[in-house]
Each structure stands twice: as C-alpha cells, then as structure tokens.
Amino acid sequence: MSATVASVDAAEQQHRAFVIAFHREHGVLLLRAHKKRKGDHYQLPGGRVDAAEIETHGLEPSFAHAAARELFEETGLRVDRARLAPVRDGAGRPLDMSGRRFFVLELSAASPLGGPAAGGTRISVSGRGFGLYGDAAAVRGVLEFGGP
C-alpha cells in the first residue's frame, strides 16, 4: 500500500459528516438505530467520509459530499449540496469536532420526503425503516407535503 493510499485510508477512518435536518414547525429528522454496544438509540443522518470523496474533491469539499450522500443513503432524501450549511465556530470556520463536521438543512414544503405517513410517532421515510420523530400529527404533516 502506498503512503498516499494509507494516508487517505487513515483520513477516511477519522472524518465523518452529519446532517441536522429540521422543519421549523415539525422538528428534527432523527434516525432510530440499533447497535450491539449502544442498543436502541437515535442519531443524525451521516457517516464516514469515503476515501474516493477525499481523492476526488479534496478534504474540505468531501465533507459536504459525504453528508449529502449519507442523507440519501439513510433516508432517501436527495438534496443539492449547496443547501447544506456548515455549522461554524465563532471565527466563521467550519466547526470540527474531532474530525466530525455538521451541516444544517432546512426542510420545507418543497422537500421530497416520500409518501403518506402511517399513524403513530415513528414514520418510515422512503421505506428505509428510519423515522422522523415527534408529535404524530406534526410528523404526518411533514411527510405528506411535497412528495415526488
């Protein structure tokens, strides 16, 4: 393995990107997950920045690429990376928390969120088994507007 490939692999292991997707009336999009060590828990959509993204786009732009890709893979929501606003520190730099970057996405009536919602507070987004959590009536309202 070359030094370049090894350094990209090492970078991929430590860099992650997450999306804080919210609707002003209905709240934040959270995924319900189960992991052996954590058990059932809620998490933001997001994950690892891939080596190919770093090689293709460079490190900084790769965070937004990864955030958009992970959001789509985990929820079925496809968004233009330009809609993802990086969370910034007090000096205006992208906030980096041990290799983790966060992006804010405001959902609106124009956001495609899949089909009609079922009853209850856990609603499947695009049939992927993830959910938007909150008041059941509010969740139904978020998922029923602006379908494909």
C-alpha atoms as a PDB file:
ATOM      1  CA  MET A   1       0.000   0.000   0.000  1.00  0.00           C
ATOM      2  CA  SER A   2       1.410   3.400  -0.962  1.00  0.00           C
ATOM      3  CA  ALA A   3       1.850   6.226   1.541  1.00  0.00           C
ATOM      4  CA  THR A   4      -0.833   8.249  -0.278  1.00  0.00           C
ATOM      5  CA  VAL A   5      -3.403   5.456  -0.130  1.00  0.00           C
ATOM      6  CA  ALA A   6      -2.514   4.797   3.517  1.00  0.00           C
ATOM      7  CA  SER A   7      -2.968   8.479   4.403  1.00  0.00           C
ATOM      8  CA  VAL A   8      -6.330   8.644   2.595  1.00  0.00           C
ATOM      9  CA  ASP A   9      -7.436   5.440   4.351  1.00  0.00           C
ATOM     10  CA  ALA A  10      -6.396   6.928   7.702  1.00  0.00           C
ATOM     11  CA  ALA A  11      -8.274  10.153   6.902  1.00  0.00           C
ATOM     12  CA  GLU A  12     -11.368   8.177   5.916  1.00  0.00           C
ATOM     13  CA  GLN A  13     -11.320   6.441   9.281  1.00  0.00           C
ATOM     14  CA  GLN A  14     -11.452   9.677  11.239  1.00  0.00           C
ATOM     15  CA  HIS A  15     -13.598  12.072   9.154  1.00  0.00           C
ATOM     16  CA  ARG A  16     -17.370  11.987   9.397  1.00  0.00           C
ATOM     17  CA  ALA A  17     -20.182  14.270   8.231  1.00  0.00           C
ATOM     18  CA  PHE A  18     -23.668  14.630   9.703  1.00  0.00           C
ATOM     19  CA  VAL A  19     -26.847  16.470   8.721  1.00  0.00           C
ATOM     20  CA  ILE A  20     -29.105  18.322  11.141  1.00  0.00           C
ATOM     21  CA  ALA A  21     -32.264  18.315   9.017  1.00  0.00           C
ATOM     22  CA  PHE A  22     -35.125  20.278  10.549  1.00  0.00           C
ATOM     23  CA  HIS A  23     -38.512  21.717   9.773  1.00  0.00           C
ATOM     24  CA  ARG A  24     -39.456  24.965  11.527  1.00  0.00           C
ATOM     25  CA  GLU A  25     -42.839  23.605  12.625  1.00  0.00           C
ATOM     26  CA  HIS A  26     -42.207  19.888  12.945  1.00  0.00           C
ATOM     27  CA  GLY A  27     -38.746  19.413  14.402  1.00  0.00           C
ATOM     28  CA  VAL A  28     -35.577  17.466  13.642  1.00  0.00           C
ATOM     29  CA  LEU A  29     -35.106  14.382  11.476  1.00  0.00           C
ATOM     30  CA  LEU A  30     -33.594  11.583  13.598  1.00  0.00           C
ATOM     31  CA  LEU A  31     -32.798   8.011  12.683  1.00  0.00           C
ATOM     32  CA  ARG A  32     -33.615   5.157  15.001  1.00  0.00           C
ATOM     33  CA  ALA A  33     -30.760   2.670  15.081  1.00  0.00           C
ATOM     34  CA  HIS A  34     -29.725  -0.410  16.983  1.00  0.00           C
ATOM     35  CA  LYS A  35     -26.108  -1.297  17.658  1.00  0.00           C
ATOM     36  CA  LYS A  36     -24.802  -4.065  19.873  1.00  0.00           C
ATOM     37  CA  ARG A  37     -22.853  -1.751  22.173  1.00  0.00           C
ATOM     38  CA  LYS A  38     -25.336   1.149  22.199  1.00  0.00           C
ATOM     39  CA  GLY A  39     -28.635  -0.693  21.891  1.00  0.00           C
ATOM     40  CA  ASP A  40     -31.603   1.267  20.516  1.00  0.00           C
ATOM     41  CA  HIS A  41     -30.808   4.933  20.091  1.00  0.00           C
ATOM     42  CA  TYR A  42     -31.482   7.960  17.892  1.00  0.00           C
ATOM     43  CA  GLN A  43     -28.898   9.570  15.662  1.00  0.00           C
ATOM     44  CA  LEU A  44     -28.472  12.199  12.989  1.00  0.00           C
ATOM     45  CA  PRO A  45     -28.140  11.059   9.387  1.00  0.00           C
ATOM     46  CA  GLY A  46     -24.462  10.890   8.497  1.00  0.00           C
ATOM     47  CA  GLY A  47     -21.338   8.812   8.467  1.00  0.00           C
ATOM     48  CA  ARG A  48     -17.851   8.300   7.156  1.00  0.00           C
ATOM     49  CA  VAL A  49     -16.218  10.479   4.509  1.00  0.00           C
ATOM     50  CA  ASP A  50     -15.079   7.961   1.881  1.00  0.00           C
ATOM     51  CA  ALA A  51     -11.522   7.849   0.547  1.00  0.00           C
ATOM     52  CA  ALA A  52     -12.849   8.324  -3.010  1.00  0.00           C
ATOM     53  CA  GLU A  53     -14.561  11.569  -1.947  1.00  0.00           C
ATOM     54  CA  ILE A  54     -11.326  12.859  -0.435  1.00  0.00           C
ATOM     55  CA  GLU A  55      -9.307  11.880  -3.519  1.00  0.00           C
ATOM     56  CA  THR A  56     -11.852  13.372  -5.934  1.00  0.00           C
ATOM     57  CA  HIS A  57     -12.875  16.573  -4.167  1.00  0.00           C
ATOM     58  CA  GLY A  58     -10.161  17.248  -1.579  1.00  0.00           C
ATOM     59  CA  LEU A  59     -10.706  17.078   2.147  1.00  0.00           C
ATOM     60  CA  GLU A  60     -12.823  20.191   2.793  1.00  0.00           C
ATOM     61  CA  PRO A  61     -15.388  19.704  -0.002  1.00  0.00           C
ATOM     62  CA  SER A  62     -15.588  15.982   0.735  1.00  0.00           C
ATOM     63  CA  PHE A  63     -17.458  16.655   3.996  1.00  0.00           C
ATOM     64  CA  ALA A  64     -20.464  18.163   2.161  1.00  0.00           C
ATOM     65  CA  HIS A  65     -20.358  15.389  -0.464  1.00  0.00           C
ATOM     66  CA  ALA A  66     -20.384  12.757   2.288  1.00  0.00           C
ATOM     67  CA  ALA A  67     -23.182  14.500   4.191  1.00  0.00           C
ATOM     68  CA  ALA A  68     -25.421  14.622   1.099  1.00  0.00           C
ATOM     69  CA  ARG A  69     -24.586  11.014   0.172  1.00  0.00           C
ATOM     70  CA  GLU A  70     -25.235   9.691   3.672  1.00  0.00           C
ATOM     71  CA  LEU A  71     -28.514  11.625   3.926  1.00  0.00           C
ATOM     72  CA  PHE A  72     -29.686   9.978   0.705  1.00  0.00           C
ATOM     73  CA  GLU A  73     -28.448   6.502   1.648  1.00  0.00           C
ATOM     74  CA  GLU A  74     -30.083   6.620   5.076  1.00  0.00           C
ATOM     75  CA  THR A  75     -33.348   8.447   4.350  1.00  0.00           C
ATOM     76  CA  GLY A  76     -33.944   8.602   0.592  1.00  0.00           C
ATOM     77  CA  LEU A  77     -33.752  12.410   0.702  1.00  0.00           C
ATOM     78  CA  ARG A  78     -31.696  13.693  -2.220  1.00  0.00           C
ATOM     79  CA  VAL A  79     -30.527  17.278  -1.718  1.00  0.00           C
ATOM     80  CA  ASP A  80     -28.200  19.605  -3.553  1.00  0.00           C
ATOM     81  CA  ARG A  81     -25.025  20.071  -1.504  1.00  0.00           C
ATOM     82  CA  ALA A  82     -25.492  23.836  -1.811  1.00  0.00           C
ATOM     83  CA  ARG A  83     -28.476  23.508   0.586  1.00  0.00           C
ATOM     84  CA  LEU A  84     -26.233  22.098   3.319  1.00  0.00           C
ATOM     85  CA  ALA A  85     -24.992  24.946   5.504  1.00  0.00           C
ATOM     86  CA  PRO A  86     -21.889  24.061   7.534  1.00  0.00           C
ATOM     87  CA  VAL A  87     -22.058  24.642  11.276  1.00  0.00           C
ATOM     88  CA  ARG A  88     -19.351  27.229  12.000  1.00  0.00           C
ATOM     89  CA  ASP A  89     -17.306  28.207  15.038  1.00  0.00           C
ATOM     90  CA  GLY A  90     -17.082  31.727  16.484  1.00  0.00           C
ATOM     91  CA  ALA A  91     -14.374  32.674  13.962  1.00  0.00           C
ATOM     92  CA  GLY A  92     -16.529  31.582  10.999  1.00  0.00           C
ATOM     93  CA  ARG A  93     -14.569  28.390  10.263  1.00  0.00           C
ATOM     94  CA  PRO A  94     -16.355  25.069   9.815  1.00  0.00           C
ATOM     95  CA  LEU A  95     -16.728  23.600  13.291  1.00  0.00           C
ATOM     96  CA  ASP A  96     -14.573  20.471  13.566  1.00  0.00           C
ATOM     97  CA  MET A  97     -15.274  18.165  16.489  1.00  0.00           C
ATOM     98  CA  SER A  98     -12.564  15.500  16.358  1.00  0.00           C
ATOM     99  CA  GLY A  99     -12.974  15.052  12.604  1.00  0.00           C
ATOM    100  CA  ARG A 100     -16.747  15.384  12.703  1.00  0.00           C
ATOM    101  CA  ARG A 101     -18.476  18.117  10.704  1.00  0.00           C
ATOM    102  CA  PHE A 102     -22.136  19.053  10.878  1.00  0.00           C
ATOM    103  CA  PHE A 103     -24.377  20.610   8.248  1.00  0.00           C
ATOM    104  CA  VAL A 104     -27.801  22.207   8.673  1.00  0.00           C
ATOM    105  CA  LEU A 105     -30.596  21.517   6.209  1.00  0.00           C
ATOM    106  CA  GLU A 106     -33.933  23.265   6.491  1.00  0.00           C
ATOM    107  CA  LEU A 107     -36.798  21.111   5.246  1.00  0.00           C
ATOM    108  CA  SER A 108     -39.760  22.839   3.632  1.00  0.00           C
ATOM    109  CA  ALA A 109     -42.872  22.067   1.614  1.00  0.00           C
ATOM    110  CA  ALA A 110     -40.598  21.655  -1.412  1.00  0.00           C
ATOM    111  CA  SER A 111     -38.525  18.913   0.283  1.00  0.00           C
ATOM    112  CA  PRO A 112     -39.359  15.478  -1.145  1.00  0.00           C
ATOM    113  CA  LEU A 113     -39.910  13.233   1.864  1.00  0.00           C
ATOM    114  CA  GLY A 114     -41.746  10.234   0.459  1.00  0.00           C
ATOM    115  CA  GLY A 115     -45.304   9.026   0.631  1.00  0.00           C
ATOM    116  CA  PRO A 116     -48.161   9.410   3.073  1.00  0.00           C
ATOM    117  CA  ALA A 117     -47.476   8.682   6.710  1.00  0.00           C
ATOM    118  CA  ALA A 118     -48.987   5.969   8.827  1.00  0.00           C
ATOM    119  CA  GLY A 119     -50.300   6.569  12.342  1.00  0.00           C
ATOM    120  CA  GLY A 120     -48.035   6.765  15.369  1.00  0.00           C
ATOM    121  CA  THR A 121     -44.908   8.729  16.078  1.00  0.00           C
ATOM    122  CA  ARG A 122     -42.436   6.559  14.138  1.00  0.00           C
ATOM    123  CA  ILE A 123     -42.795   7.176  10.434  1.00  0.00           C
ATOM    124  CA  SER A 124     -40.863   5.330   7.730  1.00  0.00           C
ATOM    125  CA  VAL A 125     -39.100   7.615   5.254  1.00  0.00           C
ATOM    126  CA  SER A 126     -38.925   6.142   1.726  1.00  0.00           C
ATOM    127  CA  GLY A 127     -39.427   2.659   3.150  1.00  0.00           C
ATOM    128  CA  ARG A 128     -35.929   2.547   4.603  1.00  0.00           C
ATOM    129  CA  GLY A 129     -37.034   1.909   8.196  1.00  0.00           C
ATOM    130  CA  PHE A 130     -35.774   5.195   9.556  1.00  0.00           C
ATOM    131  CA  GLY A 131     -38.030   7.699  11.181  1.00  0.00           C
ATOM    132  CA  LEU A 132     -38.939  11.284  11.730  1.00  0.00           C
ATOM    133  CA  TYR A 133     -39.873  11.573  15.374  1.00  0.00           C
ATOM    134  CA  GLY A 134     -42.179  13.972  17.110  1.00  0.00           C
ATOM    135  CA  ASP A 135     -45.871  14.613  17.541  1.00  0.00           C
ATOM    136  CA  ALA A 136     -47.743  12.151  15.296  1.00  0.00           C
ATOM    137  CA  ALA A 137     -49.912  14.820  13.640  1.00  0.00           C
ATOM    138  CA  ALA A 138     -46.878  17.027  13.006  1.00  0.00           C
ATOM    139  CA  VAL A 139     -44.920  14.102  11.553  1.00  0.00           C
ATOM    140  CA  ARG A 140     -47.780  13.250   9.199  1.00  0.00           C
ATOM    141  CA  GLY A 141     -47.800  16.859   8.031  1.00  0.00           C
ATOM    142  CA  VAL A 142     -44.074  16.790   7.246  1.00  0.00           C
ATOM    143  CA  LEU A 143     -44.260  13.556   5.288  1.00  0.00           C
ATOM    144  CA  GLU A 144     -47.403  14.400   3.354  1.00  0.00           C
ATOM    145  CA  PHE A 145     -46.251  17.642   1.790  1.00  0.00           C
ATOM    146  CA  GLY A 146     -44.216  17.878  -1.386  1.00  0.00           C
ATOM    147  CA  GLY A 147     -43.999  14.205  -2.316  1.00  0.00           C
ATOM    148  CA  PRO A 148     -42.318  13.133  -5.568  1.00  0.00           C
END
